[in-house]
């Protein structure tokens, strides 16, 4: 099925709870395979970034290159215990070609690690290692809106 996007703004995605979503904040994130190594370093202080640069809110975005689902669950728990989602207003997770671990899927990993967070966790977003690979800019102010049907927009402002 082909989906039309205008300048990378229109997205197809899903929220773990299948509800309508609207979230706004400064973007911070990247490839989970790399981001999971940052807590405890000067580059992994997401709470400090939020305090200094994100009074509007924080959207953490992640995508998986090729890590199997069990490893993804562990990496997400690691980020969670390091406080990466404590100040977040939403989590965006890119579509991935990464494999399941037995019957434990990538979506199962999200539910296991992030499913009880009191904020939207939007997955299958058009970012990451699977086309169309919309580029997200760390530090950009972004608004994501998503309907329960999976149609939405993600707008970034460089302000």
N, C-alpha and C. Protein backbone atom coordinates (compact mmCIF):
# COMPACT_ATOMS: atom_id res chain seq x y z
N UNK A 1 0.83 -1.17 0.00
CA UNK A 1 0.00 0.00 0.00
C UNK A 1 0.89 1.24 0.00
N UNK A 2 0.65 2.14 -0.89
CA UNK A 2 1.41 3.39 -0.98
C UNK A 2 0.70 4.48 -0.19
N UNK A 3 1.46 5.32 0.51
CA UNK A 3 0.91 6.43 1.27
C UNK A 3 1.63 7.69 0.84
N UNK A 4 0.89 8.74 0.59
CA UNK A 4 1.46 9.99 0.14
C UNK A 4 1.84 10.85 1.34
N UNK A 5 2.98 11.47 1.27
CA UNK A 5 3.45 12.36 2.32
C UNK A 5 3.87 13.69 1.69
N UNK A 6 3.55 14.77 2.36
CA UNK A 6 3.96 16.07 1.89
C UNK A 6 5.19 16.50 2.65
N UNK A 7 6.30 16.55 1.98
CA UNK A 7 7.55 17.04 2.57
C UNK A 7 7.88 16.36 3.89
N UNK A 8 7.55 15.07 4.00
CA UNK A 8 7.90 14.32 5.20
C UNK A 8 7.08 14.69 6.42
N UNK A 9 6.00 15.44 6.26
CA UNK A 9 5.21 15.87 7.41
C UNK A 9 4.14 14.87 7.79
N UNK A 10 3.56 14.21 6.81
CA UNK A 10 2.49 13.26 7.11
C UNK A 10 3.09 11.91 7.46
N UNK A 11 2.61 11.33 8.51
CA UNK A 11 3.17 10.07 8.98
C UNK A 11 2.06 9.03 9.13
N UNK A 12 2.47 7.81 9.07
CA UNK A 12 1.60 6.70 9.44
C UNK A 12 2.27 6.03 10.62
N UNK A 13 1.57 5.86 11.70
CA UNK A 13 2.16 5.31 12.91
C UNK A 13 1.04 4.78 13.79
N UNK A 14 1.41 4.21 14.92
CA UNK A 14 0.43 3.69 15.88
C UNK A 14 0.89 4.04 17.28
N UNK A 15 -0.08 4.23 18.17
CA UNK A 15 0.21 4.43 19.58
C UNK A 15 -0.04 3.11 20.30
N UNK A 16 0.75 2.80 21.31
CA UNK A 16 0.59 1.53 22.03
C UNK A 16 -0.84 1.35 22.54
N UNK A 17 -1.51 2.44 22.87
CA UNK A 17 -2.87 2.34 23.40
C UNK A 17 -3.94 2.51 22.32
N UNK A 18 -3.53 2.75 21.08
CA UNK A 18 -4.45 2.95 19.95
C UNK A 18 -5.37 4.15 20.15
N UNK A 19 -4.91 5.15 20.88
CA UNK A 19 -5.72 6.35 21.10
C UNK A 19 -5.22 7.49 20.21
N UNK A 20 -6.00 8.56 20.15
CA UNK A 20 -5.54 9.76 19.47
C UNK A 20 -4.44 10.39 20.32
N UNK A 21 -3.46 10.99 19.65
CA UNK A 21 -2.30 11.54 20.34
C UNK A 21 -2.02 12.95 19.84
N UNK A 22 -1.69 13.83 20.77
CA UNK A 22 -1.09 15.13 20.44
C UNK A 22 -0.03 15.38 21.49
N UNK A 23 1.20 15.57 21.03
CA UNK A 23 2.30 15.83 21.96
C UNK A 23 3.24 16.84 21.31
N UNK A 24 3.88 17.63 22.16
CA UNK A 24 4.79 18.67 21.67
C UNK A 24 6.01 18.72 22.56
N UNK A 25 7.15 19.04 21.96
CA UNK A 25 8.35 19.21 22.75
C UNK A 25 9.59 19.24 21.87
N UNK A 26 10.72 19.44 22.50
CA UNK A 26 12.01 19.40 21.82
C UNK A 26 12.38 17.95 21.54
N UNK A 27 12.86 17.69 20.35
CA UNK A 27 13.27 16.35 19.97
C UNK A 27 14.66 16.03 20.49
N UNK A 28 14.81 14.83 21.01
CA UNK A 28 16.13 14.32 21.38
C UNK A 28 16.09 12.81 21.21
N UNK A 29 17.13 12.28 20.58
CA UNK A 29 17.17 10.83 20.40
C UNK A 29 18.06 10.42 19.25
N UNK A 30 17.78 9.23 18.71
CA UNK A 30 18.55 8.66 17.62
C UNK A 30 18.39 7.16 17.61
N UNK A 31 19.37 6.48 17.05
CA UNK A 31 19.35 5.03 16.92
C UNK A 31 19.55 4.38 18.30
N UNK A 32 18.59 3.58 18.72
CA UNK A 32 18.64 2.95 20.04
C UNK A 32 19.91 2.13 20.23
N UNK A 33 20.39 1.49 19.17
CA UNK A 33 21.59 0.67 19.26
C UNK A 33 22.78 1.51 19.77
N UNK A 34 22.79 2.80 19.48
CA UNK A 34 23.83 3.72 19.94
C UNK A 34 23.41 4.47 21.20
N UNK A 35 22.17 4.96 21.22
CA UNK A 35 21.69 5.75 22.36
C UNK A 35 21.77 4.99 23.67
N UNK A 36 21.58 3.68 23.63
CA UNK A 36 21.59 2.88 24.87
C UNK A 36 22.95 2.89 25.56
N UNK A 37 23.99 3.31 24.86
CA UNK A 37 25.32 3.37 25.45
C UNK A 37 25.61 4.71 26.12
N UNK A 38 24.73 5.68 25.96
CA UNK A 38 25.01 7.04 26.43
C UNK A 38 24.70 7.35 27.89
N UNK A 39 23.72 6.69 28.54
CA UNK A 39 23.49 7.02 29.95
C UNK A 39 24.78 6.87 30.77
N UNK A 40 24.98 7.86 31.65
CA UNK A 40 26.19 7.85 32.47
C UNK A 40 27.34 8.61 31.84
N UNK A 41 27.16 9.07 30.61
CA UNK A 41 28.18 9.89 29.95
C UNK A 41 27.67 11.33 29.88
N UNK A 42 28.53 12.29 29.56
CA UNK A 42 28.07 13.67 29.42
C UNK A 42 27.06 13.84 28.28
N UNK A 43 27.00 12.87 27.35
CA UNK A 43 26.10 12.98 26.21
C UNK A 43 24.76 12.31 26.45
N UNK A 44 24.59 11.68 27.60
CA UNK A 44 23.37 10.95 27.87
C UNK A 44 22.51 11.54 28.96
N UNK A 45 22.70 12.82 29.26
CA UNK A 45 21.95 13.48 30.33
C UNK A 45 20.68 14.11 29.76
N UNK A 46 19.68 13.28 29.50
CA UNK A 46 18.44 13.77 28.89
C UNK A 46 17.67 14.66 29.86
N UNK A 47 17.70 14.36 31.14
CA UNK A 47 17.03 15.21 32.12
C UNK A 47 17.67 16.60 32.13
N UNK A 48 18.99 16.66 32.09
CA UNK A 48 19.68 17.95 32.03
C UNK A 48 19.35 18.71 30.76
N UNK A 49 19.27 17.99 29.63
CA UNK A 49 18.87 18.62 28.37
C UNK A 49 17.49 19.23 28.51
N UNK A 50 16.56 18.47 29.11
CA UNK A 50 15.20 18.98 29.30
C UNK A 50 15.19 20.22 30.17
N UNK A 51 15.96 20.20 31.26
CA UNK A 51 16.00 21.35 32.17
C UNK A 51 16.55 22.59 31.49
N UNK A 52 17.59 22.42 30.69
CA UNK A 52 18.26 23.57 30.07
C UNK A 52 17.65 24.04 28.76
N UNK A 53 17.09 23.11 27.99
CA UNK A 53 16.72 23.47 26.62
C UNK A 53 15.29 23.15 26.22
N UNK A 54 14.49 22.56 27.09
CA UNK A 54 13.17 22.10 26.64
C UNK A 54 12.04 22.52 27.58
N UNK A 55 11.89 23.83 27.84
CA UNK A 55 10.76 24.23 28.69
C UNK A 55 9.41 23.94 28.04
N UNK A 56 9.41 23.76 26.71
CA UNK A 56 8.16 23.48 25.98
C UNK A 56 7.74 22.02 26.11
N UNK A 57 8.63 21.18 26.59
CA UNK A 57 8.36 19.75 26.67
C UNK A 57 9.45 18.97 25.95
N UNK A 58 9.37 17.65 26.02
CA UNK A 58 10.41 16.80 25.45
C UNK A 58 9.78 15.62 24.73
N UNK A 59 10.22 15.39 23.51
CA UNK A 59 9.83 14.20 22.75
C UNK A 59 11.09 13.38 22.52
N UNK A 60 11.14 12.19 23.08
CA UNK A 60 12.27 11.29 22.89
C UNK A 60 11.95 10.43 21.67
N UNK A 61 12.87 10.40 20.71
CA UNK A 61 12.65 9.54 19.55
C UNK A 61 13.77 8.51 19.46
N UNK A 62 13.39 7.32 19.08
CA UNK A 62 14.34 6.21 18.96
C UNK A 62 13.97 5.37 17.75
N UNK A 63 14.96 4.70 17.21
CA UNK A 63 14.72 3.72 16.15
C UNK A 63 15.77 2.65 16.27
N UNK A 64 15.44 1.47 15.78
CA UNK A 64 16.30 0.31 15.93
C UNK A 64 16.85 -0.09 14.58
N UNK A 65 18.16 -0.29 14.53
CA UNK A 65 18.80 -0.71 13.28
C UNK A 65 18.60 -2.20 13.05
N UNK A 66 19.18 -3.02 13.92
CA UNK A 66 19.08 -4.46 13.70
C UNK A 66 19.07 -5.29 14.97
N UNK A 67 18.90 -4.66 16.11
CA UNK A 67 18.92 -5.39 17.38
C UNK A 67 17.66 -6.25 17.52
N UNK A 68 17.83 -7.50 17.93
CA UNK A 68 16.66 -8.35 18.15
C UNK A 68 15.78 -7.82 19.28
N UNK A 69 14.53 -8.23 19.30
CA UNK A 69 13.54 -7.70 20.23
C UNK A 69 13.95 -7.82 21.69
N UNK A 70 14.54 -8.94 22.09
CA UNK A 70 14.95 -9.10 23.50
C UNK A 70 16.00 -8.05 23.87
N UNK A 71 16.94 -7.79 22.98
CA UNK A 71 17.96 -6.76 23.23
C UNK A 71 17.32 -5.38 23.27
N UNK A 72 16.35 -5.13 22.41
CA UNK A 72 15.65 -3.85 22.40
C UNK A 72 14.95 -3.63 23.74
N UNK A 73 14.29 -4.65 24.25
CA UNK A 73 13.63 -4.53 25.55
C UNK A 73 14.64 -4.16 26.63
N UNK A 74 15.79 -4.82 26.63
CA UNK A 74 16.83 -4.51 27.63
C UNK A 74 17.33 -3.08 27.48
N UNK A 75 17.58 -2.65 26.24
CA UNK A 75 18.09 -1.29 26.02
C UNK A 75 17.06 -0.25 26.44
N UNK A 76 15.79 -0.48 26.15
CA UNK A 76 14.74 0.46 26.55
C UNK A 76 14.61 0.52 28.07
N UNK A 77 14.70 -0.62 28.74
CA UNK A 77 14.69 -0.62 30.21
C UNK A 77 15.89 0.16 30.74
N UNK A 78 17.04 -0.01 30.12
CA UNK A 78 18.25 0.71 30.54
C UNK A 78 18.02 2.22 30.45
N UNK A 79 17.48 2.69 29.34
CA UNK A 79 17.20 4.12 29.19
C UNK A 79 16.15 4.58 30.20
N UNK A 80 15.15 3.74 30.41
CA UNK A 80 14.09 4.10 31.36
C UNK A 80 14.67 4.24 32.77
N UNK A 81 15.48 3.29 33.21
CA UNK A 81 16.06 3.36 34.54
C UNK A 81 17.05 4.52 34.66
N UNK A 82 17.60 4.97 33.55
CA UNK A 82 18.52 6.11 33.55
C UNK A 82 17.77 7.44 33.50
N UNK A 83 16.44 7.40 33.47
CA UNK A 83 15.64 8.63 33.53
C UNK A 83 15.32 9.27 32.20
N UNK A 84 15.58 8.57 31.10
CA UNK A 84 15.37 9.19 29.79
C UNK A 84 13.92 9.55 29.51
N UNK A 85 12.97 8.92 30.15
CA UNK A 85 11.56 9.18 29.86
C UNK A 85 10.87 9.93 30.99
N UNK A 86 11.62 10.26 32.06
CA UNK A 86 11.04 10.93 33.22
C UNK A 86 10.43 12.29 32.88
N UNK A 87 11.05 13.02 31.99
CA UNK A 87 10.57 14.36 31.63
C UNK A 87 9.91 14.38 30.26
N UNK A 88 9.76 13.22 29.63
CA UNK A 88 9.22 13.16 28.27
C UNK A 88 7.72 13.40 28.25
N UNK A 89 7.28 14.03 27.18
CA UNK A 89 5.86 14.22 26.91
C UNK A 89 5.36 13.22 25.88
N UNK A 90 6.29 12.50 25.30
CA UNK A 90 5.95 11.47 24.32
C UNK A 90 7.21 10.76 23.87
N UNK A 91 7.03 9.54 23.36
CA UNK A 91 8.13 8.76 22.81
C UNK A 91 7.73 8.37 21.39
N UNK A 92 8.63 8.61 20.45
CA UNK A 92 8.42 8.24 19.06
C UNK A 92 9.40 7.12 18.72
N UNK A 93 8.91 6.06 18.12
CA UNK A 93 9.76 4.92 17.77
C UNK A 93 9.60 4.64 16.29
N UNK A 94 10.73 4.66 15.58
CA UNK A 94 10.71 4.45 14.14
C UNK A 94 10.42 3.01 13.75
N UNK A 95 9.93 2.86 12.54
CA UNK A 95 9.71 1.53 11.96
C UNK A 95 11.05 0.83 11.85
N UNK A 96 11.07 -0.49 12.05
CA UNK A 96 12.34 -1.21 12.06
C UNK A 96 12.27 -2.51 11.28
N UNK A 97 13.38 -2.89 10.66
CA UNK A 97 13.46 -4.21 10.03
C UNK A 97 14.02 -5.26 10.99
N UNK A 98 14.28 -4.86 12.23
CA UNK A 98 14.95 -5.74 13.19
C UNK A 98 14.07 -6.94 13.53
N UNK A 99 14.72 -8.05 13.85
CA UNK A 99 13.98 -9.30 14.06
C UNK A 99 13.34 -9.43 15.44
N UNK A 100 12.38 -10.33 15.50
CA UNK A 100 11.81 -10.76 16.77
C UNK A 100 12.82 -11.70 17.44
N UNK A 101 12.57 -11.99 18.70
CA UNK A 101 13.34 -13.01 19.42
C UNK A 101 12.36 -14.13 19.73
N UNK A 102 12.43 -15.18 18.94
CA UNK A 102 11.41 -16.22 19.07
C UNK A 102 10.06 -15.61 18.75
N UNK A 103 9.10 -15.73 19.64
CA UNK A 103 7.79 -15.12 19.44
C UNK A 103 7.65 -13.74 20.05
N UNK A 104 8.75 -13.20 20.61
CA UNK A 104 8.75 -11.89 21.26
C UNK A 104 9.11 -10.85 20.20
N UNK A 105 8.12 -10.04 19.79
CA UNK A 105 8.29 -9.09 18.69
C UNK A 105 8.85 -7.76 19.16
N UNK A 106 9.19 -6.92 18.20
CA UNK A 106 9.64 -5.56 18.51
C UNK A 106 8.53 -4.79 19.24
N UNK A 107 7.29 -4.97 18.86
CA UNK A 107 6.17 -4.31 19.54
C UNK A 107 6.02 -4.86 20.96
N UNK A 108 6.23 -6.16 21.13
CA UNK A 108 6.23 -6.73 22.49
C UNK A 108 7.29 -6.06 23.35
N UNK A 109 8.46 -5.80 22.78
CA UNK A 109 9.54 -5.14 23.52
C UNK A 109 9.11 -3.75 23.98
N UNK A 110 8.42 -3.01 23.11
CA UNK A 110 7.92 -1.68 23.50
C UNK A 110 6.91 -1.80 24.63
N UNK A 111 5.95 -2.71 24.49
CA UNK A 111 4.96 -2.90 25.56
C UNK A 111 5.64 -3.28 26.87
N UNK A 112 6.61 -4.19 26.81
CA UNK A 112 7.28 -4.67 28.01
C UNK A 112 8.03 -3.56 28.73
N UNK A 113 8.76 -2.74 27.98
CA UNK A 113 9.61 -1.72 28.59
C UNK A 113 8.92 -0.38 28.82
N UNK A 114 7.99 -0.01 27.93
CA UNK A 114 7.43 1.35 27.99
C UNK A 114 5.90 1.39 28.09
N UNK A 115 5.25 0.24 28.03
CA UNK A 115 3.80 0.19 27.95
C UNK A 115 3.06 0.84 29.09
N UNK A 116 3.67 0.91 30.27
CA UNK A 116 2.97 1.52 31.40
C UNK A 116 3.38 2.97 31.66
N UNK A 117 4.14 3.56 30.75
CA UNK A 117 4.47 4.98 30.91
C UNK A 117 3.20 5.81 30.77
N UNK A 118 3.06 6.89 31.54
CA UNK A 118 1.86 7.73 31.47
C UNK A 118 1.95 8.78 30.36
N UNK A 119 2.40 8.35 29.18
CA UNK A 119 2.56 9.27 28.06
C UNK A 119 2.43 8.48 26.76
N UNK A 120 2.19 9.17 25.65
CA UNK A 120 2.06 8.46 24.39
C UNK A 120 3.38 7.81 23.96
N UNK A 121 3.30 6.57 23.51
CA UNK A 121 4.42 5.87 22.90
C UNK A 121 3.98 5.53 21.49
N UNK A 122 4.45 6.30 20.54
CA UNK A 122 4.04 6.17 19.14
C UNK A 122 5.10 5.37 18.41
N UNK A 123 4.67 4.30 17.72
CA UNK A 123 5.65 3.46 17.03
C UNK A 123 5.26 3.30 15.57
N UNK A 124 6.16 2.71 14.80
CA UNK A 124 6.04 2.60 13.35
C UNK A 124 6.07 3.97 12.69
N UNK A 125 6.78 4.92 13.30
CA UNK A 125 6.92 6.26 12.74
C UNK A 125 7.87 6.19 11.54
N UNK A 126 7.65 7.05 10.57
CA UNK A 126 8.43 7.05 9.32
C UNK A 126 9.83 7.63 9.50
N UNK A 127 10.57 7.14 10.47
CA UNK A 127 11.96 7.54 10.69
C UNK A 127 12.79 6.29 10.89
N UNK A 128 14.09 6.41 10.71
CA UNK A 128 14.97 5.30 11.02
C UNK A 128 15.56 4.62 9.80
N UNK A 129 15.72 3.31 9.92
CA UNK A 129 16.41 2.53 8.90
C UNK A 129 15.50 1.97 7.82
N UNK A 130 14.21 2.32 7.85
CA UNK A 130 13.26 1.84 6.85
C UNK A 130 12.68 3.05 6.12
N UNK A 131 12.68 3.04 4.78
CA UNK A 131 12.11 4.17 4.04
C UNK A 131 10.67 4.43 4.47
N UNK A 132 10.27 5.71 4.48
CA UNK A 132 10.85 6.85 3.81
C UNK A 132 11.91 7.60 4.59
N UNK A 133 12.24 7.22 5.79
CA UNK A 133 13.35 7.77 6.56
C UNK A 133 13.33 9.28 6.71
N UNK A 134 12.23 9.80 7.21
CA UNK A 134 12.13 11.22 7.50
C UNK A 134 13.20 11.58 8.53
N UNK A 135 13.88 12.66 8.33
CA UNK A 135 14.94 13.11 9.23
C UNK A 135 14.35 13.92 10.37
N UNK A 136 14.75 13.59 11.60
CA UNK A 136 14.38 14.38 12.76
C UNK A 136 15.63 15.12 13.23
N UNK A 137 15.43 16.36 13.66
CA UNK A 137 16.54 17.21 14.06
C UNK A 137 16.55 17.33 15.58
N UNK A 138 17.63 16.85 16.21
CA UNK A 138 17.75 17.00 17.66
C UNK A 138 17.68 18.46 18.03
N UNK A 139 16.85 18.77 19.02
CA UNK A 139 16.69 20.14 19.48
C UNK A 139 15.56 20.89 18.81
N UNK A 140 15.04 20.38 17.69
CA UNK A 140 13.93 21.06 17.01
C UNK A 140 12.68 20.95 17.89
N UNK A 141 11.84 21.96 17.82
CA UNK A 141 10.55 21.93 18.49
C UNK A 141 9.60 21.18 17.56
N UNK A 142 8.97 20.14 18.06
CA UNK A 142 8.13 19.31 17.21
C UNK A 142 6.75 19.12 17.82
N UNK A 143 5.78 18.95 16.95
CA UNK A 143 4.43 18.60 17.34
C UNK A 143 4.04 17.35 16.57
N UNK A 144 3.56 16.36 17.28
CA UNK A 144 3.07 15.14 16.63
C UNK A 144 1.59 15.01 16.97
N UNK A 145 0.81 14.74 15.93
CA UNK A 145 -0.61 14.48 16.10
C UNK A 145 -0.92 13.18 15.37
N UNK A 146 -1.67 12.31 16.01
CA UNK A 146 -1.94 11.00 15.46
C UNK A 146 -3.35 10.60 15.83
N UNK A 147 -4.09 10.07 14.86
CA UNK A 147 -5.41 9.53 15.15
C UNK A 147 -5.28 8.05 15.44
N UNK A 148 -6.28 7.49 16.08
CA UNK A 148 -6.29 6.07 16.37
C UNK A 148 -6.19 5.21 15.13
N UNK A 149 -6.52 5.80 13.96
CA UNK A 149 -6.44 5.06 12.70
C UNK A 149 -5.01 4.97 12.18
N UNK A 150 -4.08 5.71 12.79
CA UNK A 150 -2.69 5.65 12.38
C UNK A 150 -2.27 6.75 11.42
N UNK A 151 -3.13 7.69 11.16
CA UNK A 151 -2.75 8.82 10.29
C UNK A 151 -2.39 10.01 11.18
N UNK A 152 -1.35 10.73 10.76
CA UNK A 152 -0.95 11.85 11.56
C UNK A 152 0.04 12.76 10.89
N UNK A 153 0.51 13.72 11.66
CA UNK A 153 1.53 14.65 11.19
C UNK A 153 2.60 14.80 12.25
N UNK A 154 3.79 15.10 11.78
CA UNK A 154 4.89 15.44 12.65
C UNK A 154 5.54 16.67 12.03
N UNK A 155 5.45 17.78 12.73
CA UNK A 155 5.99 19.05 12.23
C UNK A 155 7.12 19.49 13.13
N UNK A 156 8.26 19.81 12.50
CA UNK A 156 9.43 20.30 13.24
C UNK A 156 9.63 21.77 12.95
N UNK A 157 9.99 22.54 13.98
CA UNK A 157 10.32 23.95 13.81
C UNK A 157 11.73 24.17 14.35
N UNK A 158 12.55 24.83 13.59
CA UNK A 158 13.91 25.11 14.02
C UNK A 158 13.94 26.47 14.70
N UNK A 159 13.38 26.52 15.91
CA UNK A 159 13.32 27.75 16.71
C UNK A 159 13.94 27.52 18.06
